[in-house]
Amino acid sequence: MNIMNKPPLGLKQPKAKPNPEYLRKVRALPCCICEAFGYTQLSPTTAHHPICERHGGERVPDHEAIPLCDGHHQGDFDTSKTAIHRDRALWVEWYGSDRDWIAATQDRIRTAP
């Protein structure tokens, strides 16, 4: 966000409204990393709110969530992959910023039947 888009001092940017329908559509997609890199997806898709280039407790709006399998997201059930919440630096080194996957996800949802 550039300085021209910031609200006056003391006023916060309005929070985006929850969008459960969009998150449902994200979870219906295959993991964007497994698909792009030819990995076998071993766990269900979850909706990941990007954490790269985020400041403090700022939460990314639901319409920017991306589809990740558990292995690429939390790594709780599928430990065969690098999970962004377990090793962000390595994940970014291998796959780039999680923000890089937002536009492709939005395009897929927009063009889905």
PDB file of N, CA and C in Angstrom:
ATOM      1  N   MET A   1       0.859  -1.161   0.000  1.00  0.00           N
ATOM      2  CA  MET A   1       0.000   0.000   0.000  1.00  0.00           C
ATOM      3  C   MET A   1       0.908   1.228   0.000  1.00  0.00           C
ATOM      4  N   ASN A   2       0.661   2.164  -0.924  1.00  0.00           N
ATOM      5  CA  ASN A   2       1.480   3.371  -0.904  1.00  0.00           C
ATOM      6  C   ASN A   2       0.856   4.393   0.038  1.00  0.00           C
ATOM      7  N   ILE A   3       1.586   5.437   0.313  1.00  0.00           N
ATOM      8  CA  ILE A   3       1.149   6.427   1.304  1.00  0.00           C
ATOM      9  C   ILE A   3      -0.144   7.135   0.896  1.00  0.00           C
ATOM     10  N   MET A   4      -0.415   7.190  -0.402  1.00  0.00           N
ATOM     11  CA  MET A   4      -1.616   7.883  -0.872  1.00  0.00           C
ATOM     12  C   MET A   4      -2.898   7.085  -0.542  1.00  0.00           C
ATOM     13  N   ASN A   5      -2.773   5.788  -0.342  1.00  0.00           N
ATOM     14  CA  ASN A   5      -3.948   4.959  -0.060  1.00  0.00           C
ATOM     15  C   ASN A   5      -4.193   4.768   1.427  1.00  0.00           C
ATOM     16  N   LYS A   6      -3.369   5.331   2.261  1.00  0.00           N
ATOM     17  CA  LYS A   6      -3.517   5.141   3.704  1.00  0.00           C
ATOM     18  C   LYS A   6      -4.609   6.057   4.247  1.00  0.00           C
ATOM     19  N   PRO A   7      -5.336   5.557   5.249  1.00  0.00           N
ATOM     20  CA  PRO A   7      -6.340   6.406   5.881  1.00  0.00           C
ATOM     21  C   PRO A   7      -5.658   7.474   6.735  1.00  0.00           C
ATOM     22  N   PRO A   8      -6.372   8.528   7.136  1.00  0.00           N
ATOM     23  CA  PRO A   8      -5.776   9.550   7.994  1.00  0.00           C
ATOM     24  C   PRO A   8      -5.233   8.933   9.283  1.00  0.00           C
ATOM     25  N   LEU A   9      -4.255   9.586   9.869  1.00  0.00           N
ATOM     26  CA  LEU A   9      -3.672   9.095  11.116  1.00  0.00           C
ATOM     27  C   LEU A   9      -4.751   8.828  12.149  1.00  0.00           C
ATOM     28  N   GLY A  10      -4.613   7.717  12.855  1.00  0.00           N
ATOM     29  CA  GLY A  10      -5.568   7.367  13.892  1.00  0.00           C
ATOM     30  C   GLY A  10      -6.731   6.533  13.398  1.00  0.00           C
ATOM     31  N   LEU A  11      -6.914   6.448  12.092  1.00  0.00           N
ATOM     32  CA  LEU A  11      -7.997   5.632  11.535  1.00  0.00           C
ATOM     33  C   LEU A  11      -7.401   4.396  10.889  1.00  0.00           C
ATOM     34  N   LYS A  12      -7.994   3.258  11.179  1.00  0.00           N
ATOM     35  CA  LYS A  12      -7.519   2.007  10.606  1.00  0.00           C
ATOM     36  C   LYS A  12      -8.262   1.701   9.318  1.00  0.00           C
ATOM     37  N   GLN A  13      -7.584   0.943   8.466  1.00  0.00           N
ATOM     38  CA  GLN A  13      -8.194   0.450   7.239  1.00  0.00           C
ATOM     39  C   GLN A  13      -9.358  -0.467   7.630  1.00  0.00           C
ATOM     40  N   PRO A  14     -10.502  -0.382   6.960  1.00  0.00           N
ATOM     41  CA  PRO A  14     -11.605  -1.279   7.324  1.00  0.00           C
ATOM     42  C   PRO A  14     -11.215  -2.739   7.053  1.00  0.00           C
ATOM     43  N   LYS A  15     -11.642  -3.627   7.960  1.00  0.00           N
ATOM     44  CA  LYS A  15     -11.331  -5.043   7.805  1.00  0.00           C
ATOM     45  C   LYS A  15     -12.232  -5.639   6.731  1.00  0.00           C
ATOM     46  N   ALA A  16     -11.645  -6.562   5.965  1.00  0.00           N
ATOM     47  CA  ALA A  16     -12.439  -7.267   4.958  1.00  0.00           C
ATOM     48  C   ALA A  16     -13.425  -8.195   5.660  1.00  0.00           C
ATOM     49  N   LYS A  17     -14.585  -8.333   5.085  1.00  0.00           N
ATOM     50  CA  LYS A  17     -15.605  -9.213   5.661  1.00  0.00           C
ATOM     51  C   LYS A  17     -15.231 -10.665   5.385  1.00  0.00           C
ATOM     52  N   PRO A  18     -15.559 -11.558   6.309  1.00  0.00           N
ATOM     53  CA  PRO A  18     -15.305 -12.979   6.065  1.00  0.00           C
ATOM     54  C   PRO A  18     -16.014 -13.442   4.797  1.00  0.00           C
ATOM     55  N   ASN A  19     -15.377 -14.362   4.090  1.00  0.00           N
ATOM     56  CA  ASN A  19     -15.949 -14.855   2.844  1.00  0.00           C
ATOM     57  C   ASN A  19     -15.870 -16.388   2.839  1.00  0.00           C
ATOM     58  N   PRO A  20     -16.748 -17.061   3.620  1.00  0.00           N
ATOM     59  CA  PRO A  20     -16.684 -18.520   3.718  1.00  0.00           C
ATOM     60  C   PRO A  20     -16.913 -19.228   2.386  1.00  0.00           C
ATOM     61  N   GLU A  21     -17.685 -18.636   1.494  1.00  0.00           N
ATOM     62  CA  GLU A  21     -17.934 -19.257   0.187  1.00  0.00           C
ATOM     63  C   GLU A  21     -16.639 -19.300  -0.632  1.00  0.00           C
ATOM     64  N   TYR A  22     -15.877 -18.231  -0.588  1.00  0.00           N
ATOM     65  CA  TYR A  22     -14.596 -18.212  -1.307  1.00  0.00           C
ATOM     66  C   TYR A  22     -13.648 -19.266  -0.710  1.00  0.00           C
ATOM     67  N   LEU A  23     -13.586 -19.350   0.618  1.00  0.00           N
ATOM     68  CA  LEU A  23     -12.715 -20.337   1.268  1.00  0.00           C
ATOM     69  C   LEU A  23     -13.142 -21.758   0.910  1.00  0.00           C
ATOM     70  N   ARG A  24     -14.436 -21.995   0.792  1.00  0.00           N
ATOM     71  CA  ARG A  24     -14.926 -23.312   0.375  1.00  0.00           C
ATOM     72  C   ARG A  24     -14.411 -23.641  -1.021  1.00  0.00           C
ATOM     73  N   LYS A  25     -14.438 -22.671  -1.914  1.00  0.00           N
ATOM     74  CA  LYS A  25     -13.953 -22.873  -3.282  1.00  0.00           C
ATOM     75  C   LYS A  25     -12.444 -23.116  -3.300  1.00  0.00           C
ATOM     76  N   VAL A  26     -11.709 -22.415  -2.453  1.00  0.00           N
ATOM     77  CA  VAL A  26     -10.254 -22.623  -2.363  1.00  0.00           C
ATOM     78  C   VAL A  26      -9.973 -24.059  -1.922  1.00  0.00           C
ATOM     79  N   ARG A  27     -10.705 -24.528  -0.903  1.00  0.00           N
ATOM     80  CA  ARG A  27     -10.480 -25.888  -0.398  1.00  0.00           C
ATOM     81  C   ARG A  27     -10.887 -26.964  -1.414  1.00  0.00           C
ATOM     82  N   ALA A  28     -11.673 -26.612  -2.410  1.00  0.00           N
ATOM     83  CA  ALA A  28     -12.069 -27.564  -3.450  1.00  0.00           C
ATOM     84  C   ALA A  28     -10.994 -27.711  -4.532  1.00  0.00           C
ATOM     85  N   LEU A  29     -10.008 -26.824  -4.536  1.00  0.00           N
ATOM     86  CA  LEU A  29      -8.928 -26.873  -5.520  1.00  0.00           C
ATOM     87  C   LEU A  29      -7.817 -27.806  -5.044  1.00  0.00           C
ATOM     88  N   PRO A  30      -6.993 -28.290  -5.965  1.00  0.00           N
ATOM     89  CA  PRO A  30      -5.813 -29.046  -5.540  1.00  0.00           C
ATOM     90  C   PRO A  30      -4.766 -28.084  -4.973  1.00  0.00           C
ATOM     91  N   CYS A  31      -3.839 -28.609  -4.208  1.00  0.00           N
ATOM     92  CA  CYS A  31      -2.745 -27.806  -3.670  1.00  0.00           C
ATOM     93  C   CYS A  31      -1.989 -27.158  -4.827  1.00  0.00           C
ATOM     94  N   CYS A  32      -1.824 -25.855  -4.780  1.00  0.00           N
ATOM     95  CA  CYS A  32      -1.169 -25.151  -5.885  1.00  0.00           C
ATOM     96  C   CYS A  32       0.308 -25.554  -6.021  1.00  0.00           C
ATOM     97  N   ILE A  33       0.967 -25.895  -4.925  1.00  0.00           N
ATOM     98  CA  ILE A  33       2.376 -26.281  -4.983  1.00  0.00           C
ATOM     99  C   ILE A  33       2.516 -27.692  -5.539  1.00  0.00           C
ATOM    100  N   CYS A  34       1.722 -28.629  -5.035  1.00  0.00           N
ATOM    101  CA  CYS A  34       1.767 -30.003  -5.559  1.00  0.00           C
ATOM    102  C   CYS A  34       1.503 -30.002  -7.062  1.00  0.00           C
ATOM    103  N   GLU A  35       0.508 -29.246  -7.460  1.00  0.00           N
ATOM    104  CA  GLU A  35       0.132 -29.205  -8.869  1.00  0.00           C
ATOM    105  C   GLU A  35       1.239 -28.584  -9.728  1.00  0.00           C
ATOM    106  N   ALA A  36       1.809 -27.476  -9.283  1.00  0.00           N
ATOM    107  CA  ALA A  36       2.822 -26.774 -10.065  1.00  0.00           C
ATOM    108  C   ALA A  36       4.145 -27.537 -10.145  1.00  0.00           C
ATOM    109  N   PHE A  37       4.478 -28.276  -9.093  1.00  0.00           N
ATOM    110  CA  PHE A  37       5.777 -28.943  -9.044  1.00  0.00           C
ATOM    111  C   PHE A  37       5.688 -30.453  -9.272  1.00  0.00           C
ATOM    112  N   GLY A  38       4.498 -30.956  -9.568  1.00  0.00           N
ATOM    113  CA  GLY A  38       4.336 -32.360  -9.898  1.00  0.00           C
ATOM    114  C   GLY A  38       4.413 -33.317  -8.720  1.00  0.00           C
ATOM    115  N   TYR A  39       4.100 -32.827  -7.512  1.00  0.00           N
ATOM    116  CA  TYR A  39       4.084 -33.694  -6.338  1.00  0.00           C
ATOM    117  C   TYR A  39       2.730 -34.399  -6.226  1.00  0.00           C
ATOM    118  N   THR A  40       2.734 -35.532  -5.559  1.00  0.00           N
ATOM    119  CA  THR A  40       1.486 -36.225  -5.257  1.00  0.00           C
ATOM    120  C   THR A  40       0.900 -35.608  -3.998  1.00  0.00           C
ATOM    121  N   GLN A  41      -0.345 -35.161  -4.084  1.00  0.00           N
ATOM    122  CA  GLN A  41      -1.004 -34.577  -2.921  1.00  0.00           C
ATOM    123  C   GLN A  41      -1.502 -35.697  -2.028  1.00  0.00           C
ATOM    124  N   LEU A  42      -1.009 -35.756  -0.786  1.00  0.00           N
ATOM    125  CA  LEU A  42      -1.313 -36.846   0.134  1.00  0.00           C
ATOM    126  C   LEU A  42      -2.328 -36.480   1.204  1.00  0.00           C
ATOM    127  N   SER A  43      -2.745 -35.226   1.242  1.00  0.00           N
ATOM    128  CA  SER A  43      -3.683 -34.787   2.286  1.00  0.00           C
ATOM    129  C   SER A  43      -4.672 -33.795   1.680  1.00  0.00           C
ATOM    130  N   PRO A  44      -5.788 -33.574   2.363  1.00  0.00           N
ATOM    131  CA  PRO A  44      -6.791 -32.635   1.839  1.00  0.00           C
ATOM    132  C   PRO A  44      -6.230 -31.211   1.698  1.00  0.00           C
ATOM    133  N   THR A  45      -6.865 -30.454   0.842  1.00  0.00           N
ATOM    134  CA  THR A  45      -6.487 -29.054   0.640  1.00  0.00           C
ATOM    135  C   THR A  45      -7.057 -28.197   1.762  1.00  0.00           C
ATOM    136  N   THR A  46      -6.252 -27.266   2.236  1.00  0.00           N
ATOM    137  CA  THR A  46      -6.688 -26.281   3.220  1.00  0.00           C
ATOM    138  C   THR A  46      -6.551 -24.892   2.596  1.00  0.00           C
ATOM    139  N   ALA A  47      -7.224 -23.916   3.172  1.00  0.00           N
ATOM    140  CA  ALA A  47      -7.128 -22.535   2.697  1.00  0.00           C
ATOM    141  C   ALA A  47      -6.068 -21.818   3.542  1.00  0.00           C
ATOM    142  N   HIS A  48      -5.001 -21.387   2.894  1.00  0.00           N
ATOM    143  CA  HIS A  48      -3.895 -20.708   3.574  1.00  0.00           C
ATOM    144  C   HIS A  48      -3.986 -19.207   3.315  1.00  0.00           C
ATOM    145  N   HIS A  49      -3.990 -18.422   4.382  1.00  0.00           N
ATOM    146  CA  HIS A  49      -3.933 -16.965   4.257  1.00  0.00           C
ATOM    147  C   HIS A  49      -2.449 -16.587   4.227  1.00  0.00           C
ATOM    148  N   PRO A  50      -1.971 -16.009   3.109  1.00  0.00           N
ATOM    149  CA  PRO A  50      -0.543 -15.719   2.972  1.00  0.00           C
ATOM    150  C   PRO A  50       0.047 -14.958   4.165  1.00  0.00           C
ATOM    151  N   ILE A  51       1.286 -15.310   4.481  1.00  0.00           N
ATOM    152  CA  ILE A  51       1.988 -14.717   5.622  1.00  0.00           C
ATOM    153  C   ILE A  51       3.245 -13.958   5.206  1.00  0.00           C
ATOM    154  N   CYS A  52       3.683 -14.106   3.967  1.00  0.00           N
ATOM    155  CA  CYS A  52       4.867 -13.387   3.501  1.00  0.00           C
ATOM    156  C   CYS A  52       4.517 -11.915   3.286  1.00  0.00           C
ATOM    157  N   GLU A  53       5.452 -11.055   3.572  1.00  0.00           N
ATOM    158  CA  GLU A  53       5.275  -9.595   3.442  1.00  0.00           C
ATOM    159  C   GLU A  53       4.097  -9.073   4.253  1.00  0.00           C
ATOM    160  N   ARG A  54       3.767  -9.755   5.319  1.00  0.00           N
ATOM    161  CA  ARG A  54       2.686  -9.326   6.204  1.00  0.00           C
ATOM    162  C   ARG A  54       3.301  -8.629   7.402  1.00  0.00           C
ATOM    163  N   HIS A  55       2.609  -7.671   7.962  1.00  0.00           N
ATOM    164  CA  HIS A  55       3.151  -6.902   9.084  1.00  0.00           C
ATOM    165  C   HIS A  55       2.358  -7.168  10.354  1.00  0.00           C
ATOM    166  N   GLY A  56       3.052  -7.491  11.426  1.00  0.00           N
ATOM    167  CA  GLY A  56       2.428  -7.675  12.732  1.00  0.00           C
ATOM    168  C   GLY A  56       1.283  -8.660  12.714  1.00  0.00           C
ATOM    169  N   GLY A  57       0.193  -8.304  13.353  1.00  0.00           N
ATOM    170  CA  GLY A  57      -0.973  -9.167  13.455  1.00  0.00           C
ATOM    171  C   GLY A  57      -1.943  -9.002  12.306  1.00  0.00           C
ATOM    172  N   GLU A  58      -1.519  -8.310  11.261  1.00  0.00           N
ATOM    173  CA  GLU A  58      -2.373  -8.060  10.101  1.00  0.00           C
ATOM    174  C   GLU A  58      -2.839  -9.386   9.494  1.00  0.00           C
ATOM    175  N   ARG A  59      -4.125  -9.509   9.239  1.00  0.00           N
ATOM    176  CA  ARG A  59      -4.669 -10.737   8.636  1.00  0.00           C
ATOM    177  C   ARG A  59      -5.019 -10.465   7.183  1.00  0.00           C
ATOM    178  N   VAL A  60      -4.653 -11.399   6.351  1.00  0.00           N
ATOM    179  CA  VAL A  60      -4.936 -11.299   4.926  1.00  0.00           C
ATOM    180  C   VAL A  60      -6.409 -11.631   4.708  1.00  0.00           C
ATOM    181  N   PRO A  61      -7.118 -10.889   3.857  1.00  0.00           N
ATOM    182  CA  PRO A  61      -8.538 -11.171   3.617  1.00  0.00           C
ATOM    183  C   PRO A  61      -8.746 -12.547   2.987  1.00  0.00           C
ATOM    184  N   ASP A  62      -9.916 -13.117   3.227  1.00  0.00           N
ATOM    185  CA  ASP A  62     -10.236 -14.451   2.708  1.00  0.00           C
ATOM    186  C   ASP A  62     -10.068 -14.537   1.193  1.00  0.00           C
ATOM    187  N   HIS A  63     -10.360 -13.465   0.462  1.00  0.00           N
ATOM    188  CA  HIS A  63     -10.280 -13.526  -1.000  1.00  0.00           C
ATOM    189  C   HIS A  63      -8.833 -13.566  -1.513  1.00  0.00           C
ATOM    190  N   GLU A  64      -7.859 -13.612  -0.601  1.00  0.00           N
ATOM    191  CA  GLU A  64      -6.458 -13.780  -0.996  1.00  0.00           C
ATOM    192  C   GLU A  64      -5.898 -15.132  -0.546  1.00  0.00           C
ATOM    193  N   ALA A  65      -6.746 -16.001  -0.003  1.00  0.00           N
ATOM    194  CA  ALA A  65      -6.295 -17.321   0.448  1.00  0.00           C
ATOM    195  C   ALA A  65      -5.892 -18.178  -0.752  1.00  0.00           C
ATOM    196  N   ILE A  66      -4.946 -19.092  -0.516  1.00  0.00           N
ATOM    197  CA  ILE A  66      -4.484 -19.997  -1.568  1.00  0.00           C
ATOM    198  C   ILE A  66      -4.659 -21.449  -1.102  1.00  0.00           C
ATOM    199  N   PRO A  67      -4.784 -22.388  -2.056  1.00  0.00           N
ATOM    200  CA  PRO A  67      -4.969 -23.788  -1.685  1.00  0.00           C
ATOM    201  C   PRO A  67      -3.637 -24.494  -1.426  1.00  0.00           C
ATOM    202  N   LEU A  68      -3.473 -25.019  -0.229  1.00  0.00           N
ATOM    203  CA  LEU A  68      -2.284 -25.803   0.106  1.00  0.00           C
ATOM    204  C   LEU A  68      -2.721 -27.094   0.773  1.00  0.00           C
ATOM    205  N   CYS A  69      -2.028 -28.187   0.453  1.00  0.00           N
ATOM    206  CA  CYS A  69      -2.264 -29.438   1.172  1.00  0.00           C
ATOM    207  C   CYS A  69      -1.645 -29.279   2.564  1.00  0.00           C
ATOM    208  N   ASP A  70      -1.969 -30.184   3.460  1.00  0.00           N
ATOM    209  CA  ASP A  70      -1.413 -30.098   4.808  1.00  0.00           C
ATOM    210  C   ASP A  70       0.113 -30.126   4.779  1.00  0.00           C
ATOM    211  N   GLY A  71       0.693 -30.909   3.892  1.00  0.00           N
ATOM    212  CA  GLY A  71       2.154 -31.003   3.808  1.00  0.00           C
ATOM    213  C   GLY A  71       2.828 -29.685   3.482  1.00  0.00           C
ATOM    214  N   HIS A  72       2.204 -28.878   2.657  1.00  0.00           N
ATOM    215  CA  HIS A  72       2.774 -27.581   2.298  1.00  0.00           C
ATOM    216  C   HIS A  72       2.259 -26.450   3.187  1.00  0.00           C
ATOM    217  N   HIS A  73       1.249 -26.731   4.017  1.00  0.00           N
ATOM    218  CA  HIS A  73       0.660 -25.710   4.874  1.00  0.00           C
ATOM    219  C   HIS A  73       1.159 -25.838   6.315  1.00  0.00           C
ATOM    220  N   GLN A  74       0.572 -26.728   7.104  1.00  0.00           N
ATOM    221  CA  GLN A  74       0.918 -26.886   8.517  1.00  0.00           C
ATOM    222  C   GLN A  74       1.906 -28.021   8.770  1.00  0.00           C
ATOM    223  N   GLY A  75       1.817 -29.067   7.975  1.00  0.00           N
ATOM    224  CA  GLY A  75       2.689 -30.223   8.159  1.00  0.00           C
ATOM    225  C   GLY A  75       2.332 -31.068   9.362  1.00  0.00           C
ATOM    226  N   ASP A  76       1.078 -31.013   9.802  1.00  0.00           N
ATOM    227  CA  ASP A  76       0.648 -31.798  10.961  1.00  0.00           C
ATOM    228  C   ASP A  76       0.468 -33.276  10.623  1.00  0.00           C
ATOM    229  N   PHE A  77      -0.101 -33.569   9.452  1.00  0.00           N
ATOM    230  CA  PHE A  77      -0.403 -34.944   9.075  1.00  0.00           C
ATOM    231  C   PHE A  77       0.555 -35.459   8.011  1.00  0.00           C
ATOM    232  N   ASP A  78       0.897 -34.620   7.062  1.00  0.00           N
ATOM    233  CA  ASP A  78       1.805 -34.997   5.979  1.00  0.00           C
ATOM    234  C   ASP A  78       3.148 -34.323   6.238  1.00  0.00           C
ATOM    235  N   THR A  79       4.086 -35.085   6.751  1.00  0.00           N
ATOM    236  CA  THR A  79       5.410 -34.524   7.060  1.00  0.00           C
ATOM    237  C   THR A  79       6.412 -34.789   5.944  1.00  0.00           C
ATOM    238  N   SER A  80       5.927 -35.272   4.799  1.00  0.00           N
ATOM    239  CA  SER A  80       6.823 -35.585   3.685  1.00  0.00           C
ATOM    240  C   SER A  80       7.209 -34.347   2.876  1.00  0.00           C
ATOM    241  N   LYS A  81       6.603 -33.201   3.173  1.00  0.00           N
ATOM    242  CA  LYS A  81       6.849 -31.974   2.411  1.00  0.00           C
ATOM    243  C   LYS A  81       7.293 -30.852   3.346  1.00  0.00           C
ATOM    244  N   THR A  82       7.704 -29.747   2.766  1.00  0.00           N
ATOM    245  CA  THR A  82       8.086 -28.583   3.557  1.00  0.00           C
ATOM    246  C   THR A  82       6.852 -27.710   3.769  1.00  0.00           C
ATOM    247  N   ALA A  83       6.438 -27.556   5.009  1.00  0.00           N
ATOM    248  CA  ALA A  83       5.258 -26.763   5.357  1.00  0.00           C
ATOM    249  C   ALA A  83       5.670 -25.312   5.628  1.00  0.00           C
ATOM    250  N   ILE A  84       4.919 -24.382   5.080  1.00  0.00           N
ATOM    251  CA  ILE A  84       5.257 -22.963   5.237  1.00  0.00           C
ATOM    252  C   ILE A  84       5.230 -22.524   6.699  1.00  0.00           C
ATOM    253  N   HIS A  85       4.362 -23.110   7.507  1.00  0.00           N
ATOM    254  CA  HIS A  85       4.290 -22.712   8.913  1.00  0.00           C
ATOM    255  C   HIS A  85       5.364 -23.388   9.767  1.00  0.00           C
ATOM    256  N   ARG A  86       6.100 -24.315   9.204  1.00  0.00           N
ATOM    257  CA  ARG A  86       7.194 -24.971   9.940  1.00  0.00           C
ATOM    258  C   ARG A  86       8.556 -24.414   9.538  1.00  0.00           C
ATOM    259  N   ASP A  87       8.715 -24.055   8.252  1.00  0.00           N
ATOM    260  CA  ASP A  87       9.995 -23.527   7.777  1.00  0.00           C
ATOM    261  C   ASP A  87       9.742 -22.543   6.635  1.00  0.00           C
ATOM    262  N   ARG A  88       9.321 -21.346   7.006  1.00  0.00           N
ATOM    263  CA  ARG A  88       8.943 -20.340   6.007  1.00  0.00           C
ATOM    264  C   ARG A  88      10.100 -20.006   5.068  1.00  0.00           C
ATOM    265  N   ALA A  89      11.302 -19.846   5.602  1.00  0.00           N
ATOM    266  CA  ALA A  89      12.444 -19.455   4.769  1.00  0.00           C
ATOM    267  C   ALA A  89      12.719 -20.496   3.687  1.00  0.00           C
ATOM    268  N   LEU A  90      12.723 -21.770   4.045  1.00  0.00           N
ATOM    269  CA  LEU A  90      12.965 -22.826   3.058  1.00  0.00           C
ATOM    270  C   LEU A  90      11.815 -22.899   2.061  1.00  0.00           C
ATOM    271  N   TRP A  91      10.582 -22.771   2.537  1.00  0.00           N
ATOM    272  CA  TRP A  91       9.415 -22.797   1.658  1.00  0.00           C
ATOM    273  C   TRP A  91       9.532 -21.689   0.611  1.00  0.00           C
ATOM    274  N   VAL A  92       9.878 -20.484   1.050  1.00  0.00           N
ATOM    275  CA  VAL A  92      10.013 -19.349   0.124  1.00  0.00           C
ATOM    276  C   VAL A  92      11.170 -19.582  -0.847  1.00  0.00           C
ATOM    277  N   GLU A  93      12.254 -20.156  -0.356  1.00  0.00           N
ATOM    278  CA  GLU A  93      13.402 -20.449  -1.227  1.00  0.00           C
ATOM    279  C   GLU A  93      13.001 -21.405  -2.344  1.00  0.00           C
ATOM    280  N   TRP A  94      12.202 -22.408  -2.029  1.00  0.00           N
ATOM    281  CA  TRP A  94      11.806 -23.411  -3.014  1.00  0.00           C
ATOM    282  C   TRP A  94      10.644 -22.989  -3.887  1.00  0.00           C
ATOM    283  N   TYR A  95       9.650 -22.318  -3.307  1.00  0.00           N
ATOM    284  CA  TYR A  95       8.397 -22.058  -4.036  1.00  0.00           C
ATOM    285  C   TYR A  95       8.090 -20.583  -4.257  1.00  0.00           C
ATOM    286  N   GLY A  96       8.865 -19.689  -3.679  1.00  0.00           N
ATOM    287  CA  GLY A  96       8.599 -18.260  -3.793  1.00  0.00           C
ATOM    288  C   GLY A  96       7.650 -17.800  -2.695  1.00  0.00           C
ATOM    289  N   SER A  97       7.321 -16.544  -2.720  1.00  0.00           N
ATOM    290  CA  SER A  97       6.403 -15.975  -1.735  1.00  0.00           C
ATOM    291  C   SER A  97       5.023 -16.608  -1.896  1.00  0.00           C
ATOM    292  N   ASP A  98       4.361 -16.852  -0.783  1.00  0.00           N
ATOM    293  CA  ASP A  98       3.001 -17.396  -0.880  1.00  0.00           C
ATOM    294  C   ASP A  98       2.066 -16.390  -1.548  1.00  0.00           C
ATOM    295  N   ARG A  99       2.415 -15.123  -1.522  1.00  0.00           N
ATOM    296  CA  ARG A  99       1.604 -14.101  -2.189  1.00  0.00           C
ATOM    297  C   ARG A  99       1.643 -14.258  -3.717  1.00  0.00           C
ATOM    298  N   ASP A 100       2.686 -14.917  -4.230  1.00  0.00           N
ATOM    299  CA  ASP A 100       2.809 -15.125  -5.678  1.00  0.00           C
ATOM    300  C   ASP A 100       1.727 -16.050  -6.229  1.00  0.00           C
ATOM    301  N   TRP A 101       1.033 -16.775  -5.362  1.00  0.00           N
ATOM    302  CA  TRP A 101       0.049 -17.764  -5.787  1.00  0.00           C
ATOM    303  C   TRP A 101      -1.390 -17.233  -5.696  1.00  0.00           C
ATOM    304  N   ILE A 102      -1.571 -16.012  -5.237  1.00  0.00           N
ATOM    305  CA  ILE A 102      -2.914 -15.451  -5.051  1.00  0.00           C
ATOM    306  C   ILE A 102      -3.634 -15.251  -6.385  1.00  0.00           C
ATOM    307  N   ALA A 103      -2.989 -14.596  -7.338  1.00  0.00           N
ATOM    308  CA  ALA A 103      -3.646 -14.262  -8.611  1.00  0.00           C
ATOM    309  C   ALA A 103      -4.094 -15.517  -9.358  1.00  0.00           C
ATOM    310  N   ALA A 104      -3.243 -16.537  -9.395  1.00  0.00           N
ATOM    311  CA  ALA A 104      -3.611 -17.774 -10.093  1.00  0.00           C
ATOM    312  C   ALA A 104      -4.799 -18.441  -9.410  1.00  0.00           C
ATOM    313  N   THR A 105      -4.822 -18.408  -8.084  1.00  0.00           N
ATOM    314  CA  THR A 105      -5.951 -18.985  -7.343  1.00  0.00           C
ATOM    315  C   THR A 105      -7.232 -18.223  -7.660  1.00  0.00           C
ATOM    316  N   GLN A 106      -7.169 -16.905  -7.635  1.00  0.00           N
ATOM    317  CA  GLN A 106      -8.350 -16.093  -7.931  1.00  0.00           C
ATOM    318  C   GLN A 106      -8.842 -16.337  -9.358  1.00  0.00           C
ATOM    319  N   ASP A 107      -7.895 -16.474 -10.296  1.00  0.00           N
ATOM    320  CA  ASP A 107      -8.282 -16.760 -11.694  1.00  0.00           C
ATOM    321  C   ASP A 107      -8.998 -18.101 -11.814  1.00  0.00           C
ATOM    322  N   ARG A 108      -8.480 -19.110 -11.110  1.00  0.00           N
ATOM    323  CA  ARG A 108      -9.103 -20.438 -11.178  1.00  0.00           C
ATOM    324  C   ARG A 108     -10.513 -20.408 -10.599  1.00  0.00           C
ATOM    325  N   ILE A 109     -10.688 -19.693  -9.519  1.00  0.00           N
ATOM    326  CA  ILE A 109     -12.016 -19.621  -8.899  1.00  0.00           C
ATOM    327  C   ILE A 109     -12.979 -18.824  -9.787  1.00  0.00           C
ATOM    328  N   ARG A 110     -12.468 -17.763 -10.370  1.00  0.00           N
ATOM    329  CA  ARG A 110     -13.306 -16.916 -11.235  1.00  0.00           C
ATOM    330  C   ARG A 110     -13.775 -17.667 -12.479  1.00  0.00           C
ATOM    331  N   THR A 111     -12.927 -18.559 -13.007  1.00  0.00           N
ATOM    332  CA  THR A 111     -13.260 -19.259 -14.250  1.00  0.00           C
ATOM    333  C   THR A 111     -13.818 -20.658 -14.030  1.00  0.00           C
ATOM    334  N   ALA A 112     -13.942 -21.076 -12.768  1.00  0.00           N
ATOM    335  CA  ALA A 112     -14.473 -22.417 -12.469  1.00  0.00           C
ATOM    336  C   ALA A 112     -15.948 -22.481 -12.847  1.00  0.00           C
ATOM    337  N   PRO A 113     -16.379 -23.655 -13.314  1.00  0.00           N
ATOM    338  CA  PRO A 113     -17.798 -23.799 -13.705  1.00  0.00           C
ATOM    339  C   PRO A 113     -18.726 -23.745 -12.504  1.00  0.00           C
TER     340      PRO A 113
END
